PDB file of N, CA and C in Angstrom:
ATOM      1  N   PRO A   1      -3.609 -12.608  21.998  1.00  0.00           N
ATOM      2  CA  PRO A   1      -4.871 -11.888  22.031  1.00  0.00           C
ATOM      3  C   PRO A   1      -5.523 -11.856  20.650  1.00  0.00           C
ATOM      4  N   PRO A   2      -6.846 -11.844  20.620  1.00  0.00           N
ATOM      5  CA  PRO A   2      -7.567 -11.872  19.346  1.00  0.00           C
ATOM      6  C   PRO A   2      -7.258 -10.675  18.445  1.00  0.00           C
ATOM      7  N   ALA A   3      -6.931  -9.526  19.015  1.00  0.00           N
ATOM      8  CA  ALA A   3      -6.648  -8.330  18.203  1.00  0.00           C
ATOM      9  C   ALA A   3      -5.364  -8.483  17.389  1.00  0.00           C
ATOM     10  N   LEU A   4      -4.497  -9.376  17.810  1.00  0.00           N
ATOM     11  CA  LEU A   4      -3.231  -9.558  17.087  1.00  0.00           C
ATOM     12  C   LEU A   4      -3.445 -10.200  15.719  1.00  0.00           C
ATOM     13  N   GLU A   5      -4.411 -11.095  15.608  1.00  0.00           N
ATOM     14  CA  GLU A   5      -4.619 -11.783  14.332  1.00  0.00           C
ATOM     15  C   GLU A   5      -4.983 -10.832  13.200  1.00  0.00           C
ATOM     16  N   PRO A   6      -5.983  -9.948  13.374  1.00  0.00           N
ATOM     17  CA  PRO A   6      -6.286  -9.010  12.288  1.00  0.00           C
ATOM     18  C   PRO A   6      -5.120  -8.047  12.020  1.00  0.00           C
ATOM     19  N   ALA A   7      -4.425  -7.655  13.085  1.00  0.00           N
ATOM     20  CA  ALA A   7      -3.286  -6.745  12.906  1.00  0.00           C
ATOM     21  C   ALA A   7      -2.178  -7.433  12.117  1.00  0.00           C
ATOM     22  N   GLY A   8      -1.958  -8.710  12.380  1.00  0.00           N
ATOM     23  CA  GLY A   8      -0.956  -9.468  11.623  1.00  0.00           C
ATOM     24  C   GLY A   8      -1.351  -9.617  10.171  1.00  0.00           C
ATOM     25  N   LYS A   9      -2.638  -9.853   9.945  1.00  0.00           N
ATOM     26  CA  LYS A   9      -3.137  -9.957   8.569  1.00  0.00           C
ATOM     27  C   LYS A   9      -3.005  -8.616   7.848  1.00  0.00           C
ATOM     28  N   ASP A  10      -3.336  -7.529   8.545  1.00  0.00           N
ATOM     29  CA  ASP A  10      -3.197  -6.187   7.953  1.00  0.00           C
ATOM     30  C   ASP A  10      -1.744  -5.906   7.580  1.00  0.00           C
ATOM     31  N   LEU A  11      -0.825  -6.324   8.452  1.00  0.00           N
ATOM     32  CA  LEU A  11       0.599  -6.119   8.171  1.00  0.00           C
ATOM     33  C   LEU A  11       1.024  -6.912   6.940  1.00  0.00           C
ATOM     34  N   ALA A  12       0.584  -8.146   6.839  1.00  0.00           N
ATOM     35  CA  ALA A  12       0.948  -8.969   5.679  1.00  0.00           C
ATOM     36  C   ALA A  12       0.408  -8.350   4.390  1.00  0.00           C
ATOM     37  N   GLU A  13      -0.836  -7.880   4.429  1.00  0.00           N
ATOM     38  CA  GLU A  13      -1.424  -7.253   3.244  1.00  0.00           C
ATOM     39  C   GLU A  13      -0.694  -5.966   2.884  1.00  0.00           C
ATOM     40  N   ALA A  14      -0.328  -5.180   3.897  1.00  0.00           N
ATOM     41  CA  ALA A  14       0.397  -3.931   3.643  1.00  0.00           C
ATOM     42  C   ALA A  14       1.785  -4.216   3.062  1.00  0.00           C
ATOM     43  N   ALA A  15       2.445  -5.258   3.558  1.00  0.00           N
ATOM     44  CA  ALA A  15       3.761  -5.629   3.031  1.00  0.00           C
ATOM     45  C   ALA A  15       3.657  -6.084   1.583  1.00  0.00           C
ATOM     46  N   ASP A  16       2.609  -6.846   1.263  1.00  0.00           N
ATOM     47  CA  ASP A  16       2.393  -7.275  -0.125  1.00  0.00           C
ATOM     48  C   ASP A  16       2.133  -6.077  -1.037  1.00  0.00           C
ATOM     49  N   ALA A  17       1.326  -5.139  -0.564  1.00  0.00           N
ATOM     50  CA  ALA A  17       1.024  -3.948  -1.358  1.00  0.00           C
ATOM     51  C   ALA A  17       2.291  -3.117  -1.581  1.00  0.00           C
ATOM     52  N   GLU A  18       3.126  -3.028  -0.555  1.00  0.00           N
ATOM     53  CA  GLU A  18       4.388  -2.290  -0.696  1.00  0.00           C
ATOM     54  C   GLU A  18       5.283  -2.959  -1.738  1.00  0.00           C
ATOM     55  N   THR A  19       5.375  -4.271  -1.679  1.00  0.00           N
ATOM     56  CA  THR A  19       6.202  -5.007  -2.644  1.00  0.00           C
ATOM     57  C   THR A  19       5.680  -4.807  -4.063  1.00  0.00           C
ATOM     58  N   ASP A  20       4.364  -4.905  -4.234  1.00  0.00           N
ATOM     59  CA  ASP A  20       3.772  -4.701  -5.563  1.00  0.00           C
ATOM     60  C   ASP A  20       4.067  -3.305  -6.089  1.00  0.00           C
ATOM     61  N   ALA A  21       3.938  -2.299  -5.225  1.00  0.00           N
ATOM     62  CA  ALA A  21       4.188  -0.914  -5.647  1.00  0.00           C
ATOM     63  C   ALA A  21       5.661  -0.705  -5.990  1.00  0.00           C
ATOM     64  N   GLU A  22       6.542  -1.300  -5.202  1.00  0.00           N
ATOM     65  CA  GLU A  22       7.976  -1.176  -5.472  1.00  0.00           C
ATOM     66  C   GLU A  22       8.341  -1.839  -6.802  1.00  0.00           C
ATOM     67  N   LEU A  23       7.806  -3.027  -7.041  1.00  0.00           N
ATOM     68  CA  LEU A  23       8.099  -3.723  -8.292  1.00  0.00           C
ATOM     69  C   LEU A  23       7.548  -2.969  -9.500  1.00  0.00           C
ATOM     70  N   ALA A  24       6.364  -2.388  -9.364  1.00  0.00           N
ATOM     71  CA  ALA A  24       5.782  -1.607 -10.461  1.00  0.00           C
ATOM     72  C   ALA A  24       6.655  -0.396 -10.775  1.00  0.00           C
ATOM     73  N   ARG A  25       7.106   0.300  -9.734  1.00  0.00           N
ATOM     74  CA  ARG A  25       7.975   1.459  -9.933  1.00  0.00           C
ATOM     75  C   ARG A  25       9.290   1.060 -10.578  1.00  0.00           C
ATOM     76  N   ASP A  26       9.919   0.012 -10.061  1.00  0.00           N
ATOM     77  CA  ASP A  26      11.213  -0.415 -10.590  1.00  0.00           C
ATOM     78  C   ASP A  26      11.099  -0.929 -12.023  1.00  0.00           C
ATOM     79  N   SER A  27      10.021  -1.621 -12.324  1.00  0.00           N
ATOM     80  CA  SER A  27       9.810  -2.113 -13.679  1.00  0.00           C
ATOM     81  C   SER A  27       9.634  -0.953 -14.662  1.00  0.00           C
ATOM     82  N   ALA A  28       8.864   0.043 -14.243  1.00  0.00           N
ATOM     83  CA  ALA A  28       8.675   1.223 -15.098  1.00  0.00           C
ATOM     84  C   ALA A  28      10.002   1.955 -15.306  1.00  0.00           C
ATOM     85  N   ARG A  29      10.796   2.064 -14.228  1.00  0.00           N
ATOM     86  CA  ARG A  29      12.101   2.730 -14.333  1.00  0.00           C
ATOM     87  C   ARG A  29      12.995   1.987 -15.332  1.00  0.00           C
ATOM     88  N   ASP A  30      13.037   0.659 -15.226  1.00  0.00           N
ATOM     89  CA  ASP A  30      13.870  -0.128 -16.134  1.00  0.00           C
ATOM     90  C   ASP A  30      13.409   0.033 -17.580  1.00  0.00           C
ATOM     91  N   SER A  31      12.102   0.009 -17.786  1.00  0.00           N
ATOM     92  CA  SER A  31      11.570   0.174 -19.148  1.00  0.00           C
ATOM     93  C   SER A  31      11.920   1.544 -19.713  1.00  0.00           C
ATOM     94  N   LEU A  32      11.829   2.572 -18.875  1.00  0.00           N
ATOM     95  CA  LEU A  32      12.151   3.924 -19.336  1.00  0.00           C
ATOM     96  C   LEU A  32      13.628   4.074 -19.673  1.00  0.00           C
ATOM     97  N   LEU A  33      14.484   3.407 -18.921  1.00  0.00           N
ATOM     98  CA  LEU A  33      15.919   3.485 -19.209  1.00  0.00           C
ATOM     99  C   LEU A  33      16.243   2.897 -20.584  1.00  0.00           C
ATOM    100  N   LEU A  34      15.415   1.943 -21.036  1.00  0.00           N
ATOM    101  CA  LEU A  34      15.627   1.321 -22.342  1.00  0.00           C
ATOM    102  C   LEU A  34      14.823   1.992 -23.456  1.00  0.00           C
ATOM    103  N   ASP A  35      13.977   2.926 -23.084  1.00  0.00           N
ATOM    104  CA  ASP A  35      13.121   3.618 -24.046  1.00  0.00           C
ATOM    105  C   ASP A  35      13.979   4.494 -24.975  1.00  0.00           C
ATOM    106  N   PRO A  36      13.701   4.486 -26.264  1.00  0.00           N
ATOM    107  CA  PRO A  36      14.466   5.336 -27.187  1.00  0.00           C
ATOM    108  C   PRO A  36      14.382   6.825 -26.847  1.00  0.00           C
ATOM    109  N   ALA A  37      13.321   7.251 -26.184  1.00  0.00           N
ATOM    110  CA  ALA A  37      13.175   8.661 -25.814  1.00  0.00           C
ATOM    111  C   ALA A  37      14.044   9.051 -24.620  1.00  0.00           C
ATOM    112  N   CYS A  38      14.565   8.066 -23.914  1.00  0.00           N
ATOM    113  CA  CYS A  38      15.392   8.338 -22.736  1.00  0.00           C
ATOM    114  C   CYS A  38      16.702   8.987 -23.177  1.00  0.00           C
ATOM    115  N   PRO A  39      17.074  10.093 -22.548  1.00  0.00           N
ATOM    116  CA  PRO A  39      18.344  10.742 -22.909  1.00  0.00           C
ATOM    117  C   PRO A  39      19.527   9.797 -22.681  1.00  0.00           C
ATOM    118  N   LYS A  40      20.394   9.731 -23.646  1.00  0.00           N
ATOM    119  CA  LYS A  40      21.600   8.907 -23.536  1.00  0.00           C
ATOM    120  C   LYS A  40      22.696   9.733 -22.879  1.00  0.00           C
ATOM    121  N   CYS A  41      23.441   9.100 -21.998  1.00  0.00           N
ATOM    122  CA  CYS A  41      24.520   9.789 -21.305  1.00  0.00           C
ATOM    123  C   CYS A  41      25.731   9.912 -22.219  1.00  0.00           C
ATOM    124  N   GLY A  42      26.380  11.040 -22.138  1.00  0.00           N
ATOM    125  CA  GLY A  42      27.575  11.277 -22.944  1.00  0.00           C
ATOM    126  C   GLY A  42      27.520  12.652 -23.573  1.00  0.00           C
ATOM    127  N   THR A  43      28.431  12.889 -24.487  1.00  0.00           N
ATOM    128  CA  THR A  43      28.478  14.170 -25.187  1.00  0.00           C
ATOM    129  C   THR A  43      28.164  13.912 -26.655  1.00  0.00           C
ATOM    130  N   PHE A  44      27.117  14.556 -27.138  1.00  0.00           N
ATOM    131  CA  PHE A  44      26.656  14.389 -28.511  1.00  0.00           C
ATOM    132  C   PHE A  44      26.451  15.774 -29.115  1.00  0.00           C
ATOM    133  N   ASP A  45      27.111  16.030 -30.234  1.00  0.00           N
ATOM    134  CA  ASP A  45      27.032  17.340 -30.897  1.00  0.00           C
ATOM    135  C   ASP A  45      27.326  18.472 -29.912  1.00  0.00           C
ATOM    136  N   HIS A  46      28.362  18.292 -29.121  1.00  0.00           N
ATOM    137  CA  HIS A  46      28.814  19.284 -28.141  1.00  0.00           C
ATOM    138  C   HIS A  46      27.808  19.539 -27.023  1.00  0.00           C
ATOM    139  N   VAL A  47      26.873  18.623 -26.842  1.00  0.00           N
ATOM    140  CA  VAL A  47      25.905  18.728 -25.741  1.00  0.00           C
ATOM    141  C   VAL A  47      26.141  17.548 -24.810  1.00  0.00           C
ATOM    142  N   ARG A  48      26.425  17.885 -23.569  1.00  0.00           N
ATOM    143  CA  ARG A  48      26.728  16.852 -22.586  1.00  0.00           C
ATOM    144  C   ARG A  48      25.460  16.501 -21.806  1.00  0.00           C
ATOM    145  N   VAL A  49      25.179  15.189 -21.706  1.00  0.00           N
ATOM    146  CA  VAL A  49      24.061  14.697 -20.906  1.00  0.00           C
ATOM    147  C   VAL A  49      24.644  13.818 -19.793  1.00  0.00           C
ATOM    148  N   THR A  50      24.377  14.193 -18.547  1.00  0.00           N
ATOM    149  CA  THR A  50      24.936  13.456 -17.408  1.00  0.00           C
ATOM    150  C   THR A  50      23.967  12.366 -16.947  1.00  0.00           C
ATOM    151  N   VAL A  51      24.493  11.473 -16.134  1.00  0.00           N
ATOM    152  CA  VAL A  51      23.670  10.421 -15.536  1.00  0.00           C
ATOM    153  C   VAL A  51      22.578  11.056 -14.679  1.00  0.00           C
ATOM    154  N   ALA A  52      22.916  12.120 -13.970  1.00  0.00           N
ATOM    155  CA  ALA A  52      21.933  12.794 -13.118  1.00  0.00           C
ATOM    156  C   ALA A  52      20.790  13.363 -13.963  1.00  0.00           C
ATOM    157  N   GLU A  53      21.107  13.903 -15.116  1.00  0.00           N
ATOM    158  CA  GLU A  53      20.057  14.446 -15.997  1.00  0.00           C
ATOM    159  C   GLU A  53      19.179  13.320 -16.539  1.00  0.00           C
ATOM    160  N   ARG A  54      19.811  12.220 -16.930  1.00  0.00           N
ATOM    161  CA  ARG A  54      19.032  11.072 -17.402  1.00  0.00           C
ATOM    162  C   ARG A  54      18.118  10.551 -16.302  1.00  0.00           C
ATOM    163  N   ASP A  55      18.674  10.411 -15.103  1.00  0.00           N
ATOM    164  CA  ASP A  55      17.884   9.910 -13.978  1.00  0.00           C
ATOM    165  C   ASP A  55      16.742  10.864 -13.633  1.00  0.00           C
ATOM    166  N   ALA A  56      16.992  12.167 -13.742  1.00  0.00           N
ATOM    167  CA  ALA A  56      15.938  13.148 -13.485  1.00  0.00           C
ATOM    168  C   ALA A  56      14.814  12.986 -14.510  1.00  0.00           C
ATOM    169  N   TRP A  57      15.161  12.715 -15.753  1.00  0.00           N
ATOM    170  CA  TRP A  57      14.140  12.500 -16.790  1.00  0.00           C
ATOM    171  C   TRP A  57      13.317  11.257 -16.450  1.00  0.00           C
ATOM    172  N   VAL A  58      13.994  10.172 -16.098  1.00  0.00           N
ATOM    173  CA  VAL A  58      13.294   8.932 -15.752  1.00  0.00           C
ATOM    174  C   VAL A  58      12.385   9.164 -14.548  1.00  0.00           C
ATOM    175  N   ASN A  59      12.926   9.785 -13.505  1.00  0.00           N
ATOM    176  CA  ASN A  59      12.144  10.018 -12.292  1.00  0.00           C
ATOM    177  C   ASN A  59      10.923  10.895 -12.555  1.00  0.00           C
ATOM    178  N   SER A  60      11.053  11.831 -13.486  1.00  0.00           N
ATOM    179  CA  SER A  60       9.911  12.695 -13.803  1.00  0.00           C
ATOM    180  C   SER A  60       8.791  11.914 -14.490  1.00  0.00           C
ATOM    181  N   GLN A  61       9.126  10.780 -15.074  1.00  0.00           N
ATOM    182  CA  GLN A  61       8.134   9.952 -15.761  1.00  0.00           C
ATOM    183  C   GLN A  61       7.408   8.993 -14.811  1.00  0.00           C
ATOM    184  N   ILE A  62       7.985   8.768 -13.634  1.00  0.00           N
ATOM    185  CA  ILE A  62       7.412   7.770 -12.725  1.00  0.00           C
ATOM    186  C   ILE A  62       6.975   8.378 -11.394  1.00  0.00           C
ATOM    187  N   THR A  63       6.669   9.650 -11.368  1.00  0.00           N
ATOM    188  CA  THR A  63       6.309  10.293 -10.097  1.00  0.00           C
ATOM    189  C   THR A  63       5.078   9.654  -9.456  1.00  0.00           C
ATOM    190  N   LYS A  64       4.089   9.276 -10.256  1.00  0.00           N
ATOM    191  CA  LYS A  64       2.885   8.663  -9.693  1.00  0.00           C
ATOM    192  C   LYS A  64       3.221   7.307  -9.053  1.00  0.00           C
ATOM    193  N   LEU A  65       4.022   6.514  -9.746  1.00  0.00           N
ATOM    194  CA  LEU A  65       4.416   5.206  -9.203  1.00  0.00           C
ATOM    195  C   LEU A  65       5.287   5.356  -7.958  1.00  0.00           C
ATOM    196  N   GLU A  66       6.138   6.364  -7.940  1.00  0.00           N
ATOM    197  CA  GLU A  66       6.980   6.624  -6.768  1.00  0.00           C
ATOM    198  C   GLU A  66       6.103   7.015  -5.578  1.00  0.00           C
ATOM    199  N   ARG A  67       5.101   7.847  -5.825  1.00  0.00           N
ATOM    200  CA  ARG A  67       4.184   8.252  -4.766  1.00  0.00           C
ATOM    201  C   ARG A  67       3.416   7.044  -4.224  1.00  0.00           C
ATOM    202  N   GLU A  68       2.923   6.198  -5.125  1.00  0.00           N
ATOM    203  CA  GLU A  68       2.194   5.004  -4.693  1.00  0.00           C
ATOM    204  C   GLU A  68       3.081   4.095  -3.849  1.00  0.00           C
ATOM    205  N   TYR A  69       4.335   3.964  -4.227  1.00  0.00           N
ATOM    206  CA  TYR A  69       5.267   3.150  -3.446  1.00  0.00           C
ATOM    207  C   TYR A  69       5.476   3.757  -2.054  1.00  0.00           C
ATOM    208  N   ARG A  70       5.692   5.049  -2.001  1.00  0.00           N
ATOM    209  CA  ARG A  70       5.930   5.695  -0.706  1.00  0.00           C
ATOM    210  C   ARG A  70       4.711   5.588   0.207  1.00  0.00           C
ATOM    211  N   LEU A  71       3.528   5.753  -0.361  1.00  0.00           N
ATOM    212  CA  LEU A  71       2.307   5.608   0.439  1.00  0.00           C
ATOM    213  C   LEU A  71       2.144   4.169   0.944  1.00  0.00           C
ATOM    214  N   ALA A  72       2.460   3.202   0.094  1.00  0.00           N
ATOM    215  CA  ALA A  72       2.382   1.793   0.498  1.00  0.00           C
ATOM    216  C   ALA A  72       3.404   1.492   1.595  1.00  0.00           C
ATOM    217  N   LYS A  73       4.572   2.088   1.483  1.00  0.00           N
ATOM    218  CA  LYS A  73       5.604   1.893   2.505  1.00  0.00           C
ATOM    219  C   LYS A  73       5.144   2.464   3.845  1.00  0.00           C
ATOM    220  N   ARG A  74       4.555   3.658   3.818  1.00  0.00           N
ATOM    221  CA  ARG A  74       4.045   4.269   5.055  1.00  0.00           C
ATOM    222  C   ARG A  74       2.921   3.412   5.658  1.00  0.00           C
ATOM    223  N   ALA A  75       2.059   2.867   4.810  1.00  0.00           N
ATOM    224  CA  ALA A  75       0.967   2.013   5.303  1.00  0.00           C
ATOM    225  C   ALA A  75       1.530   0.769   5.984  1.00  0.00           C
ATOM    226  N   ARG A  76       2.569   0.187   5.402  1.00  0.00           N
ATOM    227  CA  ARG A  76       3.205  -0.981   6.019  1.00  0.00           C
ATOM    228  C   ARG A  76       3.846  -0.611   7.350  1.00  0.00           C
ATOM    229  N   GLU A  77       4.494   0.543   7.404  1.00  0.00           N
ATOM    230  CA  GLU A  77       5.115   0.982   8.648  1.00  0.00           C
ATOM    231  C   GLU A  77       4.058   1.219   9.736  1.00  0.00           C
ATOM    232  N   ARG A  78       2.922   1.802   9.360  1.00  0.00           N
ATOM    233  CA  ARG A  78       1.834   2.001  10.321  1.00  0.00           C
ATOM    234  C   ARG A  78       1.295   0.656  10.815  1.00  0.00           C
ATOM    235  N   ALA A  79       1.157  -0.309   9.915  1.00  0.00           N
ATOM    236  CA  ALA A  79       0.676  -1.635  10.301  1.00  0.00           C
ATOM    237  C   ALA A  79       1.673  -2.312  11.244  1.00  0.00           C
ATOM    238  N   GLU A  80       2.961  -2.154  10.996  1.00  0.00           N
ATOM    239  CA  GLU A  80       3.987  -2.705  11.891  1.00  0.00           C
ATOM    240  C   GLU A  80       3.880  -2.083  13.275  1.00  0.00           C
ATOM    241  N   ASN A  81       3.743  -0.760  13.306  1.00  0.00           N
ATOM    242  CA  ASN A  81       3.642  -0.070  14.585  1.00  0.00           C
ATOM    243  C   ASN A  81       2.393  -0.496  15.345  1.00  0.00           C
ATOM    244  N   ARG A  82       1.285  -0.643  14.639  1.00  0.00           N
ATOM    245  CA  ARG A  82       0.032  -1.075  15.276  1.00  0.00           C
ATOM    246  C   ARG A  82       0.206  -2.463  15.911  1.00  0.00           C
ATOM    247  N   LEU A  83       0.815  -3.377  15.167  1.00  0.00           N
ATOM    248  CA  LEU A  83       1.044  -4.717  15.693  1.00  0.00           C
ATOM    249  C   LEU A  83       1.967  -4.670  16.910  1.00  0.00           C
ATOM    250  N   ARG A  84       3.013  -3.866  16.833  1.00  0.00           N
ATOM    251  CA  ARG A  84       3.958  -3.737  17.945  1.00  0.00           C
ATOM    252  C   ARG A  84       3.251  -3.205  19.204  1.00  0.00           C
ATOM    253  N   ILE A  85       2.385  -2.212  19.015  1.00  0.00           N
ATOM    254  CA  ILE A  85       1.641  -1.647  20.148  1.00  0.00           C
ATOM    255  C   ILE A  85       0.726  -2.704  20.770  1.00  0.00           C
ATOM    256  N   LEU A  86       0.015  -3.435  19.914  1.00  0.00           N
ATOM    257  CA  LEU A  86      -0.874  -4.486  20.430  1.00  0.00           C
ATOM    258  C   LEU A  86      -0.097  -5.566  21.173  1.00  0.00           C
ATOM    259  N   GLU A  87       1.076  -5.919  20.674  1.00  0.00           N
ATOM    260  CA  GLU A  87       1.899  -6.915  21.357  1.00  0.00           C
ATOM    261  C   GLU A  87       2.326  -6.417  22.731  1.00  0.00           C
ATOM    262  N   ARG A  88       2.718  -5.128  22.807  1.00  0.00           N
ATOM    263  CA  ARG A  88       3.116  -4.556  24.097  1.00  0.00           C
ATOM    264  C   ARG A  88       1.940  -4.528  25.061  1.00  0.00           C
ATOM    265  N   GLN A  89       0.786  -4.112  24.553  1.00  0.00           N
ATOM    266  CA  GLN A  89      -0.399  -4.070  25.406  1.00  0.00           C
ATOM    267  C   GLN A  89      -0.734  -5.464  25.930  1.00  0.00           C
ATOM    268  N   GLY A  90      -0.604  -6.463  25.091  1.00  0.00           N
ATOM    269  CA  GLY A  90      -0.852  -7.838  25.519  1.00  0.00           C
ATOM    270  C   GLY A  90       0.117  -8.259  26.604  1.00  0.00           C
ATOM    271  N   GLY A  91       1.365  -7.877  26.468  1.00  0.00           N
ATOM    272  CA  GLY A  91       2.371  -8.201  27.481  1.00  0.00           C
ATOM    273  C   GLY A  91       2.076  -7.519  28.803  1.00  0.00           C
ATOM    274  N   ILE A  92       1.625  -6.275  28.737  1.00  0.00           N
ATOM    275  CA  ILE A  92       1.284  -5.542  29.956  1.00  0.00           C
ATOM    276  C   ILE A  92       0.083  -6.196  30.637  1.00  0.00           C
ATOM    277  N   GLN A  93      -0.917  -6.570  29.844  1.00  0.00           N
ATOM    278  CA  GLN A  93      -2.100  -7.222  30.414  1.00  0.00           C
ATOM    279  C   GLN A  93      -1.733  -8.539  31.085  1.00  0.00           C
ATOM    280  N   GLN A  94      -0.851  -9.299  30.463  1.00  0.00           N
ATOM    281  CA  GLN A  94      -0.425 -10.565  31.058  1.00  0.00           C
ATOM    282  C   GLN A  94       0.326 -10.314  32.366  1.00  0.00           C
ATOM    283  N   SER A  95       1.150  -9.283  32.382  1.00  0.00           N
ATOM    284  CA  SER A  95       1.910  -8.954  33.581  1.00  0.00           C
ATOM    285  C   SER A  95       0.974  -8.562  34.724  1.00  0.00           C
ATOM    286  N   ILE A  96      -0.041  -7.756  34.413  1.00  0.00           N
ATOM    287  CA  ILE A  96      -1.017  -7.354  35.434  1.00  0.00           C
ATOM    288  C   ILE A  96      -1.782  -8.576  35.936  1.00  0.00           C
ATOM    289  N   ALA A  97      -2.185  -9.433  35.014  1.00  0.00           N
ATOM    290  CA  ALA A  97      -2.928 -10.639  35.396  1.00  0.00           C
ATOM    291  C   ALA A  97      -2.087 -11.519  36.321  1.00  0.00           C
ATOM    292  N   ARG A  98      -0.801 -11.681  36.014  1.00  0.00           N
ATOM    293  CA  ARG A  98       0.086 -12.476  36.877  1.00  0.00           C
ATOM    294  C   ARG A  98       0.211 -11.836  38.255  1.00  0.00           C
ATOM    295  N   SER A  99       0.337 -10.511  38.268  1.00  0.00           N
ATOM    296  CA  SER A  99       0.473  -9.800  39.538  1.00  0.00           C
ATOM    297  C   SER A  99      -0.778  -9.964  40.397  1.00  0.00           C
ATOM    298  N   VAL A 100      -1.945  -9.839  39.775  1.00  0.00           N
ATOM    299  CA  VAL A 100      -3.207 -10.009  40.495  1.00  0.00           C
ATOM    300  C   VAL A 100      -3.319 -11.441  41.008  1.00  0.00           C
ATOM    301  N   THR A 101      -2.959 -12.397  40.174  1.00  0.00           N
ATOM    302  CA  THR A 101      -3.018 -13.807  40.576  1.00  0.00           C
ATOM    303  C   THR A 101      -2.113 -14.054  41.775  1.00  0.00           C
ATOM    304  N   GLU A 102      -0.899 -13.553  41.730  1.00  0.00           N
ATOM    305  CA  GLU A 102       0.040 -13.743  42.836  1.00  0.00           C
ATOM    306  C   GLU A 102      -0.465 -13.060  44.104  1.00  0.00           C
ATOM    307  N   THR A 103      -1.035 -11.889  43.954  1.00  0.00           N
ATOM    308  CA  THR A 103      -1.580 -11.178  45.115  1.00  0.00           C
ATOM    309  C   THR A 103      -2.738 -11.965  45.702  1.00  0.00           C
ATOM    310  N   TYR A 104      -3.611 -12.469  44.856  1.00  0.00           N
ATOM    311  CA  TYR A 104      -4.763 -13.238  45.320  1.00  0.00           C
ATOM    312  C   TYR A 104      -4.305 -14.506  46.036  1.00  0.00           C
ATOM    313  N   ARG A 105      -3.319 -15.178  45.485  1.00  0.00           N
ATOM    314  CA  ARG A 105      -2.805 -16.406  46.111  1.00  0.00           C
ATOM    315  C   ARG A 105      -2.250 -16.116  47.492  1.00  0.00           C
ATOM    316  N   GLY A 106      -1.654 -14.977  47.652  1.00  0.00           N
ATOM    317  CA  GLY A 106      -1.061 -14.612  48.931  1.00  0.00           C
ATOM    318  C   GLY A 106      -2.084 -14.264  49.999  1.00  0.00           C
ATOM    319  N   THR A 107      -3.318 -13.971  49.589  1.00  0.00           N
ATOM    320  CA  THR A 107      -4.329 -13.568  50.565  1.00  0.00           C
ATOM    321  C   THR A 107      -5.228 -14.710  50.984  1.00  0.00           C
ATOM    322  N   ILE A 108      -5.118 -15.866  50.345  1.00  0.00           N
ATOM    323  CA  ILE A 108      -5.982 -16.991  50.700  1.00  0.00           C
ATOM    324  C   ILE A 108      -5.678 -17.418  52.132  1.00  0.00           C
ATOM    325  N   GLY A 109      -6.740 -17.519  52.932  1.00  0.00           N
ATOM    326  CA  GLY A 109      -6.594 -17.948  54.314  1.00  0.00           C
ATOM    327  C   GLY A 109      -6.258 -16.831  55.271  1.00  0.00           C
ATOM    328  N   ARG A 110      -6.023 -15.643  54.771  1.00  0.00           N
ATOM    329  CA  ARG A 110      -5.717 -14.512  55.655  1.00  0.00           C
ATOM    330  C   ARG A 110      -6.994 -13.732  55.951  1.00  0.00           C
ATOM    331  N   GLN A 111      -6.998 -13.144  57.092  1.00  0.00           N
ATOM    332  CA  GLN A 111      -8.110 -12.252  57.459  1.00  0.00           C
ATOM    333  C   GLN A 111      -7.665 -10.806  57.229  1.00  0.00           C
ATOM    334  N   TRP A 112      -8.525 -10.035  56.657  1.00  0.00           N
ATOM    335  CA  TRP A 112      -8.186  -8.610  56.411  1.00  0.00           C
ATOM    336  C   TRP A 112      -8.406  -7.834  57.631  1.00  0.00           C
TER     337      TRP A 112
END
C-alpha cells in the first residue's frame, strides 16, 4: 500500500536520528570521563570517590544529551508501531478483498 512507503521512510529517519543522538551522548560521556575535572575513583587524602559517584558526575553533565537520545528513541518506537499498524491494516484489507472476490465468484450464474 502507498501509505507504507512514507511510514518506512519515517522509520528510517527516526532510526538515524536515534543513532545520531546515542552517538552524541556516548561521545560526550567518553570525553567527560577523560576530562581532568572528572572525579577520579579511589581514596585520596582520606576521601573516597566511588565509581557510582564518578558516573553520577558524568551523567549530570550530559542530561540534555540523554534527554535528546530518549526522545529520539521514543520517536523511532512510534514510527515502528505506525508501520506495524499500517502493515496489519494492509493485510486485513487484502483478506477482505480475497473474501469478497471468492464470494463474488461463487455467485456467478446463480439467481438470488
